Amino acid sequence: MLSLEPAAGALAGLVILREHLAATQWLAIAAIVAASAGTIMTTPAEPMVEDAP
């Protein structure tokens, strides 16, 4: 989730401050989002541990 902070900040700047981003900046945001999604999708789920009685 922390890896999405630059993308969220850039989008907030776009919406709130009406800043304009260059094509390379949009590409960088897309790369960050893709890397974050890839990390989440390829991380194996942790097995559930049941409490012992």
C-alpha atoms as a PDB file:
ATOM      1  CA  MET A   1       0.000   0.000   0.000  1.00  0.00           C
ATOM      2  CA  LEU A   2       2.823   2.420   0.726  1.00  0.00           C
ATOM      3  CA  SER A   3       4.085   2.025  -2.820  1.00  0.00           C
ATOM      4  CA  LEU A   4       0.905   3.715  -4.054  1.00  0.00           C
ATOM      5  CA  GLU A   5       1.584   6.941  -2.154  1.00  0.00           C
ATOM      6  CA  PRO A   6       3.409   8.671  -5.052  1.00  0.00           C
ATOM      7  CA  ALA A   7       0.546   7.819  -7.397  1.00  0.00           C
ATOM      8  CA  ALA A   8      -2.049   9.027  -4.908  1.00  0.00           C
ATOM      9  CA  GLY A   9      -0.083  12.238  -4.363  1.00  0.00           C
ATOM     10  CA  ALA A  10       0.199  12.883  -8.085  1.00  0.00           C
ATOM     11  CA  LEU A  11      -3.513  12.289  -8.597  1.00  0.00           C
ATOM     12  CA  ALA A  12      -4.352  14.550  -5.665  1.00  0.00           C
ATOM     13  CA  GLY A  13      -2.167  17.254  -7.185  1.00  0.00           C
ATOM     14  CA  LEU A  14      -3.965  16.796 -10.487  1.00  0.00           C
ATOM     15  CA  VAL A  15      -7.444  17.063  -8.960  1.00  0.00           C
ATOM     16  CA  ILE A  16      -6.925  19.520  -6.110  1.00  0.00           C
ATOM     17  CA  LEU A  17      -4.132  21.764  -7.400  1.00  0.00           C
ATOM     18  CA  ARG A  18      -4.919  21.344 -11.117  1.00  0.00           C
ATOM     19  CA  GLU A  19      -1.309  20.394 -11.862  1.00  0.00           C
ATOM     20  CA  HIS A  20      -0.530  18.877 -15.236  1.00  0.00           C
ATOM     21  CA  LEU A  21       1.619  15.775 -15.566  1.00  0.00           C
ATOM     22  CA  ALA A  22       3.900  14.938 -18.472  1.00  0.00           C
ATOM     23  CA  ALA A  23       3.537  11.659 -20.353  1.00  0.00           C
ATOM     24  CA  THR A  24       6.627  10.245 -18.654  1.00  0.00           C
ATOM     25  CA  GLN A  25       5.121  11.030 -15.252  1.00  0.00           C
ATOM     26  CA  TRP A  26       1.897   9.190 -16.175  1.00  0.00           C
ATOM     27  CA  LEU A  27       4.038   6.276 -17.339  1.00  0.00           C
ATOM     28  CA  ALA A  28       5.882   6.279 -14.010  1.00  0.00           C
ATOM     29  CA  ILE A  29       2.574   6.232 -12.106  1.00  0.00           C
ATOM     30  CA  ALA A  30       1.374   3.313 -14.234  1.00  0.00           C
ATOM     31  CA  ALA A  31       4.623   1.447 -13.524  1.00  0.00           C
ATOM     32  CA  ILE A  32       4.242   1.963  -9.766  1.00  0.00           C
ATOM     33  CA  VAL A  33       0.631   0.761  -9.810  1.00  0.00           C
ATOM     34  CA  ALA A  34       1.521  -2.247 -11.980  1.00  0.00           C
ATOM     35  CA  ALA A  35       4.421  -3.197  -9.713  1.00  0.00           C
ATOM     36  CA  SER A  36       2.232  -2.929  -6.632  1.00  0.00           C
ATOM     37  CA  ALA A  37      -0.516  -5.021  -8.219  1.00  0.00           C
ATOM     38  CA  GLY A  38       2.007  -7.596  -9.399  1.00  0.00           C
ATOM     39  CA  THR A  39       3.469  -7.886  -5.928  1.00  0.00           C
ATOM     40  CA  ILE A  40       0.077  -8.425  -4.349  1.00  0.00           C
ATOM     41  CA  MET A  41      -1.049 -10.947  -6.975  1.00  0.00           C
ATOM     42  CA  THR A  42       2.127 -13.053  -6.757  1.00  0.00           C
ATOM     43  CA  THR A  43       2.413 -13.148  -2.959  1.00  0.00           C
ATOM     44  CA  PRO A  44       1.247 -16.530  -1.661  1.00  0.00           C
ATOM     45  CA  ALA A  45      -1.500 -16.489   0.927  1.00  0.00           C
ATOM     46  CA  GLU A  46      -0.436 -17.263   4.463  1.00  0.00           C
ATOM     47  CA  PRO A  47      -1.998 -20.414   5.877  1.00  0.00           C
ATOM     48  CA  MET A  48      -4.619 -19.862   8.533  1.00  0.00           C
ATOM     49  CA  VAL A  49      -3.506 -20.965  11.986  1.00  0.00           C
ATOM     50  CA  GLU A  50      -6.232 -22.277  14.242  1.00  0.00           C
ATOM     51  CA  ASP A  51      -6.078 -21.608  17.958  1.00  0.00           C
ATOM     52  CA  ALA A  52      -5.384 -24.665  20.085  1.00  0.00           C
ATOM     53  CA  PRO A  53      -8.075 -25.403  22.682  1.00  0.00           C
END
